[in-house]
């Protein structure tokens, strides 16, 4: 299972409180996310995992001059908010170094 950290301003702010945000597959559950994070980052101990499913937006599309306009739906996404008891995850390593240079 591929779990990637989200690199957003909100995720960065949450990481200061030892909570990290990850993009996870739609078939993932709390137990598998916890096991995968503890396997990927050996010095980390997970306290809790919260899951959020963001529904995909419905977007209007133009099919041409004489065709009726239609709609399409973007893919649903799932996020995991992981709180740690011990250890740190260096998800923003490249971003924090560039901010310090300014």
N, C-alpha and C. Protein backbone atom coordinates (compact mmCIF):
# COMPACT_ATOMS: atom_id res chain seq x y z
N UNK A 1 0.85 -1.17 0.00
CA UNK A 1 0.00 0.00 0.00
C UNK A 1 0.90 1.24 0.00
N UNK A 2 0.57 2.18 -0.86
CA UNK A 2 1.36 3.41 -0.97
C UNK A 2 0.67 4.51 -0.17
N UNK A 3 1.39 5.04 0.81
CA UNK A 3 0.90 6.14 1.63
C UNK A 3 1.85 7.30 1.44
N UNK A 4 1.33 8.45 0.98
CA UNK A 4 2.18 9.61 0.74
C UNK A 4 1.74 10.76 1.64
N UNK A 5 2.70 11.49 2.23
CA UNK A 5 2.34 12.62 3.07
C UNK A 5 1.84 13.79 2.22
N UNK A 6 0.82 14.49 2.72
CA UNK A 6 0.31 15.68 2.04
C UNK A 6 1.18 16.87 2.43
N UNK A 7 1.58 17.65 1.44
CA UNK A 7 2.43 18.80 1.71
C UNK A 7 1.64 20.08 1.42
N UNK A 8 0.81 20.45 2.39
CA UNK A 8 0.01 21.67 2.31
C UNK A 8 0.30 22.52 3.52
N UNK A 9 -0.19 23.77 3.51
CA UNK A 9 0.02 24.66 4.64
C UNK A 9 -0.67 24.13 5.88
N UNK A 10 -1.87 23.60 5.71
CA UNK A 10 -2.60 23.07 6.85
C UNK A 10 -1.89 21.84 7.43
N UNK A 11 -1.40 20.97 6.56
CA UNK A 11 -0.69 19.79 7.03
C UNK A 11 0.60 20.18 7.75
N UNK A 12 1.25 21.23 7.28
CA UNK A 12 2.47 21.71 7.95
C UNK A 12 2.14 22.25 9.34
N UNK A 13 1.04 22.99 9.46
CA UNK A 13 0.63 23.51 10.77
C UNK A 13 0.28 22.38 11.73
N UNK A 14 -0.40 21.34 11.23
CA UNK A 14 -0.74 20.21 12.07
C UNK A 14 0.49 19.41 12.49
N UNK A 15 1.52 19.40 11.65
CA UNK A 15 2.72 18.64 11.98
C UNK A 15 3.46 19.25 13.17
N UNK A 16 3.23 20.52 13.45
CA UNK A 16 3.84 21.14 14.62
C UNK A 16 3.26 20.57 15.91
N UNK A 17 2.03 20.06 15.84
CA UNK A 17 1.37 19.43 16.99
C UNK A 17 1.46 17.91 16.95
N UNK A 18 2.42 17.38 16.19
CA UNK A 18 2.67 15.94 16.08
C UNK A 18 1.52 15.18 15.41
N UNK A 19 0.80 15.84 14.50
CA UNK A 19 -0.24 15.19 13.71
C UNK A 19 0.14 15.35 12.23
N UNK A 20 0.10 14.26 11.49
CA UNK A 20 0.52 14.28 10.09
C UNK A 20 -0.64 13.81 9.22
N UNK A 21 -0.69 14.33 7.98
CA UNK A 21 -1.77 14.03 7.05
C UNK A 21 -1.17 13.24 5.88
N UNK A 22 -1.82 12.12 5.54
CA UNK A 22 -1.36 11.26 4.46
C UNK A 22 -2.48 11.00 3.48
N UNK A 23 -2.14 10.90 2.18
CA UNK A 23 -3.07 10.41 1.17
C UNK A 23 -2.99 8.89 1.19
N UNK A 24 -4.14 8.25 1.29
CA UNK A 24 -4.18 6.79 1.37
C UNK A 24 -5.14 6.26 0.31
N UNK A 25 -5.02 4.98 -0.07
CA UNK A 25 -5.95 4.39 -1.03
C UNK A 25 -7.36 4.31 -0.44
N UNK A 26 -8.36 4.25 -1.31
CA UNK A 26 -9.75 4.21 -0.86
C UNK A 26 -10.08 2.93 -0.09
N UNK A 27 -9.34 1.85 -0.31
CA UNK A 27 -9.65 0.60 0.39
C UNK A 27 -8.88 0.46 1.71
N UNK A 28 -8.15 1.49 2.13
CA UNK A 28 -7.37 1.43 3.37
C UNK A 28 -8.28 1.64 4.58
N UNK A 29 -7.90 1.01 5.70
CA UNK A 29 -8.60 1.24 6.95
C UNK A 29 -7.58 1.68 8.01
N UNK A 30 -8.07 1.98 9.21
CA UNK A 30 -7.20 2.52 10.26
C UNK A 30 -6.08 1.57 10.64
N UNK A 31 -6.38 0.30 10.76
CA UNK A 31 -5.38 -0.69 11.18
C UNK A 31 -4.26 -0.82 10.14
N UNK A 32 -4.62 -0.86 8.86
CA UNK A 32 -3.60 -1.00 7.82
C UNK A 32 -2.74 0.26 7.70
N UNK A 33 -3.37 1.43 7.88
CA UNK A 33 -2.61 2.68 7.82
C UNK A 33 -1.62 2.74 8.99
N UNK A 34 -2.06 2.38 10.18
CA UNK A 34 -1.18 2.39 11.35
C UNK A 34 -0.01 1.43 11.16
N UNK A 35 -0.29 0.23 10.67
CA UNK A 35 0.77 -0.76 10.45
C UNK A 35 1.76 -0.29 9.38
N UNK A 36 1.27 0.31 8.32
CA UNK A 36 2.13 0.76 7.23
C UNK A 36 3.03 1.91 7.66
N UNK A 37 2.48 2.86 8.44
CA UNK A 37 3.28 4.00 8.88
C UNK A 37 4.36 3.55 9.85
N UNK A 38 4.02 2.64 10.76
CA UNK A 38 5.03 2.14 11.69
C UNK A 38 6.08 1.29 10.97
N UNK A 39 5.73 0.69 9.84
CA UNK A 39 6.71 -0.06 9.05
C UNK A 39 7.60 0.88 8.23
N UNK A 40 7.01 1.94 7.66
CA UNK A 40 7.78 2.88 6.85
C UNK A 40 8.71 3.76 7.68
N UNK A 41 8.27 4.14 8.87
CA UNK A 41 9.03 5.00 9.76
C UNK A 41 9.26 4.24 11.08
N UNK A 42 10.39 3.51 11.20
CA UNK A 42 10.58 2.61 12.35
C UNK A 42 10.67 3.31 13.71
N UNK A 43 11.10 4.57 13.76
CA UNK A 43 11.26 5.25 15.04
C UNK A 43 9.98 5.98 15.48
N UNK A 44 8.85 5.69 14.84
CA UNK A 44 7.59 6.38 15.10
C UNK A 44 6.60 5.43 15.77
N UNK A 45 5.86 5.94 16.74
CA UNK A 45 4.80 5.18 17.40
C UNK A 45 3.49 5.93 17.18
N UNK A 46 2.49 5.28 16.57
CA UNK A 46 1.22 5.91 16.22
C UNK A 46 0.27 5.85 17.42
N UNK A 47 -0.33 6.99 17.76
CA UNK A 47 -1.30 7.05 18.84
C UNK A 47 -2.71 6.82 18.32
N UNK A 48 -3.10 7.55 17.25
CA UNK A 48 -4.45 7.40 16.70
C UNK A 48 -4.44 7.73 15.21
N UNK A 49 -5.47 7.25 14.52
CA UNK A 49 -5.65 7.50 13.09
C UNK A 49 -7.10 7.91 12.86
N UNK A 50 -7.30 9.01 12.15
CA UNK A 50 -8.64 9.43 11.73
C UNK A 50 -8.68 9.43 10.21
N UNK A 51 -9.77 8.94 9.64
CA UNK A 51 -9.91 8.83 8.19
C UNK A 51 -10.97 9.80 7.70
N UNK A 52 -10.72 10.42 6.53
CA UNK A 52 -11.66 11.35 5.91
C UNK A 52 -11.74 11.01 4.43
N UNK A 53 -12.97 10.88 3.91
CA UNK A 53 -13.18 10.68 2.48
C UNK A 53 -13.71 11.98 1.90
N UNK A 54 -12.97 12.55 0.93
CA UNK A 54 -13.40 13.75 0.23
C UNK A 54 -14.05 13.34 -1.07
N UNK A 55 -15.30 13.68 -1.23
CA UNK A 55 -16.02 13.32 -2.45
C UNK A 55 -15.53 14.17 -3.61
N UNK A 56 -15.44 13.57 -4.79
CA UNK A 56 -14.98 14.28 -5.98
C UNK A 56 -16.01 15.29 -6.46
N UNK A 57 -15.54 16.42 -6.96
CA UNK A 57 -16.43 17.46 -7.46
C UNK A 57 -17.05 17.06 -8.79
N UNK A 58 -18.24 17.55 -9.06
CA UNK A 58 -18.87 17.39 -10.36
C UNK A 58 -18.51 18.62 -11.18
N UNK A 59 -17.90 18.42 -12.32
CA UNK A 59 -17.43 19.52 -13.16
C UNK A 59 -18.18 19.51 -14.49
N UNK A 60 -18.51 20.70 -14.98
CA UNK A 60 -19.17 20.83 -16.28
C UNK A 60 -18.13 20.74 -17.38
N UNK A 61 -18.48 20.06 -18.46
CA UNK A 61 -17.59 19.97 -19.62
C UNK A 61 -18.35 20.42 -20.85
N UNK A 62 -17.62 20.95 -21.82
CA UNK A 62 -18.20 21.40 -23.07
C UNK A 62 -17.84 20.39 -24.14
N UNK A 63 -18.86 19.83 -24.80
CA UNK A 63 -18.62 18.79 -25.80
C UNK A 63 -18.57 19.34 -27.22
N UNK A 64 -18.65 20.63 -27.39
CA UNK A 64 -18.58 21.20 -28.73
C UNK A 64 -19.72 22.16 -28.99
N UNK A 65 -19.76 22.68 -30.21
CA UNK A 65 -20.74 23.73 -30.54
C UNK A 65 -22.17 23.18 -30.59
N UNK A 66 -22.37 22.03 -31.20
CA UNK A 66 -23.73 21.52 -31.37
C UNK A 66 -24.10 20.42 -30.37
N UNK A 67 -23.13 19.94 -29.66
CA UNK A 67 -23.41 18.90 -28.67
C UNK A 67 -23.86 19.52 -27.35
N UNK A 68 -24.62 18.76 -26.61
CA UNK A 68 -25.06 19.23 -25.31
C UNK A 68 -23.89 19.25 -24.34
N UNK A 69 -23.86 20.24 -23.48
CA UNK A 69 -22.81 20.20 -22.45
C UNK A 69 -23.08 19.05 -21.49
N UNK A 70 -22.04 18.53 -20.92
CA UNK A 70 -22.18 17.40 -20.02
C UNK A 70 -21.45 17.65 -18.70
N UNK A 71 -21.46 16.66 -17.87
CA UNK A 71 -20.75 16.76 -16.61
C UNK A 71 -19.88 15.53 -16.43
N UNK A 72 -18.86 15.69 -15.65
CA UNK A 72 -17.99 14.59 -15.28
C UNK A 72 -17.69 14.73 -13.79
N UNK A 73 -17.28 13.64 -13.18
CA UNK A 73 -17.03 13.66 -11.75
C UNK A 73 -15.56 13.34 -11.50
N UNK A 74 -14.93 14.15 -10.64
CA UNK A 74 -13.56 13.88 -10.26
C UNK A 74 -13.51 12.73 -9.27
N UNK A 75 -12.35 12.14 -9.14
CA UNK A 75 -12.17 10.96 -8.32
C UNK A 75 -12.27 11.31 -6.83
N UNK A 76 -12.87 10.41 -6.04
CA UNK A 76 -12.90 10.58 -4.59
C UNK A 76 -11.49 10.34 -4.04
N UNK A 77 -11.16 11.02 -2.94
CA UNK A 77 -9.86 10.84 -2.31
C UNK A 77 -10.06 10.52 -0.83
N UNK A 78 -9.06 9.88 -0.25
CA UNK A 78 -9.12 9.53 1.17
C UNK A 78 -7.86 10.03 1.84
N UNK A 79 -8.04 10.65 3.02
CA UNK A 79 -6.92 11.17 3.79
C UNK A 79 -6.92 10.50 5.16
N UNK A 80 -5.73 10.36 5.72
CA UNK A 80 -5.58 9.84 7.07
C UNK A 80 -4.85 10.87 7.91
N UNK A 81 -5.45 11.25 9.04
CA UNK A 81 -4.82 12.14 10.01
C UNK A 81 -4.22 11.26 11.10
N UNK A 82 -2.89 11.24 11.18
CA UNK A 82 -2.18 10.34 12.08
C UNK A 82 -1.55 11.15 13.20
N UNK A 83 -1.88 10.81 14.45
CA UNK A 83 -1.29 11.44 15.62
C UNK A 83 -0.22 10.50 16.18
N UNK A 84 0.95 11.06 16.50
CA UNK A 84 2.06 10.26 16.98
C UNK A 84 2.28 10.48 18.47
N UNK A 85 2.68 9.41 19.17
CA UNK A 85 3.05 9.55 20.57
C UNK A 85 4.53 9.82 20.71
N UNK A 86 5.34 9.17 19.87
CA UNK A 86 6.78 9.39 19.92
C UNK A 86 7.33 9.37 18.51
N UNK A 87 8.43 10.09 18.33
CA UNK A 87 9.08 10.16 17.03
C UNK A 87 8.56 11.31 16.18
N UNK A 88 9.26 11.54 15.08
CA UNK A 88 8.89 12.59 14.14
C UNK A 88 9.02 12.05 12.73
N UNK A 89 8.19 12.59 11.83
CA UNK A 89 8.26 12.26 10.41
C UNK A 89 8.72 13.52 9.70
N UNK A 90 9.76 13.39 8.89
CA UNK A 90 10.33 14.55 8.21
C UNK A 90 9.67 14.71 6.84
N UNK A 91 8.38 15.05 6.83
CA UNK A 91 7.62 15.15 5.58
C UNK A 91 7.87 16.48 4.87
N UNK A 92 8.35 17.49 5.59
CA UNK A 92 8.51 18.83 5.01
C UNK A 92 9.98 19.24 4.97
N UNK A 93 10.87 18.29 4.80
CA UNK A 93 12.31 18.57 4.85
C UNK A 93 12.73 19.58 3.78
N UNK A 94 12.37 19.35 2.55
CA UNK A 94 12.76 20.25 1.47
C UNK A 94 12.08 21.60 1.55
N UNK A 95 10.86 21.64 2.07
CA UNK A 95 10.12 22.90 2.14
C UNK A 95 10.63 23.80 3.25
N UNK A 96 10.99 23.25 4.40
CA UNK A 96 11.43 24.09 5.51
C UNK A 96 12.81 24.67 5.25
N UNK A 97 13.67 23.93 4.53
CA UNK A 97 15.00 24.46 4.21
C UNK A 97 14.91 25.65 3.28
N UNK A 98 14.00 25.63 2.30
CA UNK A 98 13.89 26.75 1.37
C UNK A 98 13.29 27.97 2.06
N UNK A 99 12.42 27.78 3.07
CA UNK A 99 11.87 28.91 3.79
C UNK A 99 12.91 29.57 4.66
N UNK A 100 13.85 28.80 5.23
CA UNK A 100 14.89 29.36 6.06
C UNK A 100 15.87 30.19 5.25
N UNK A 101 16.07 29.87 3.98
CA UNK A 101 17.00 30.61 3.13
C UNK A 101 16.50 32.01 2.83
N UNK A 102 15.19 32.24 2.90
CA UNK A 102 14.63 33.55 2.54
C UNK A 102 14.89 34.59 3.58
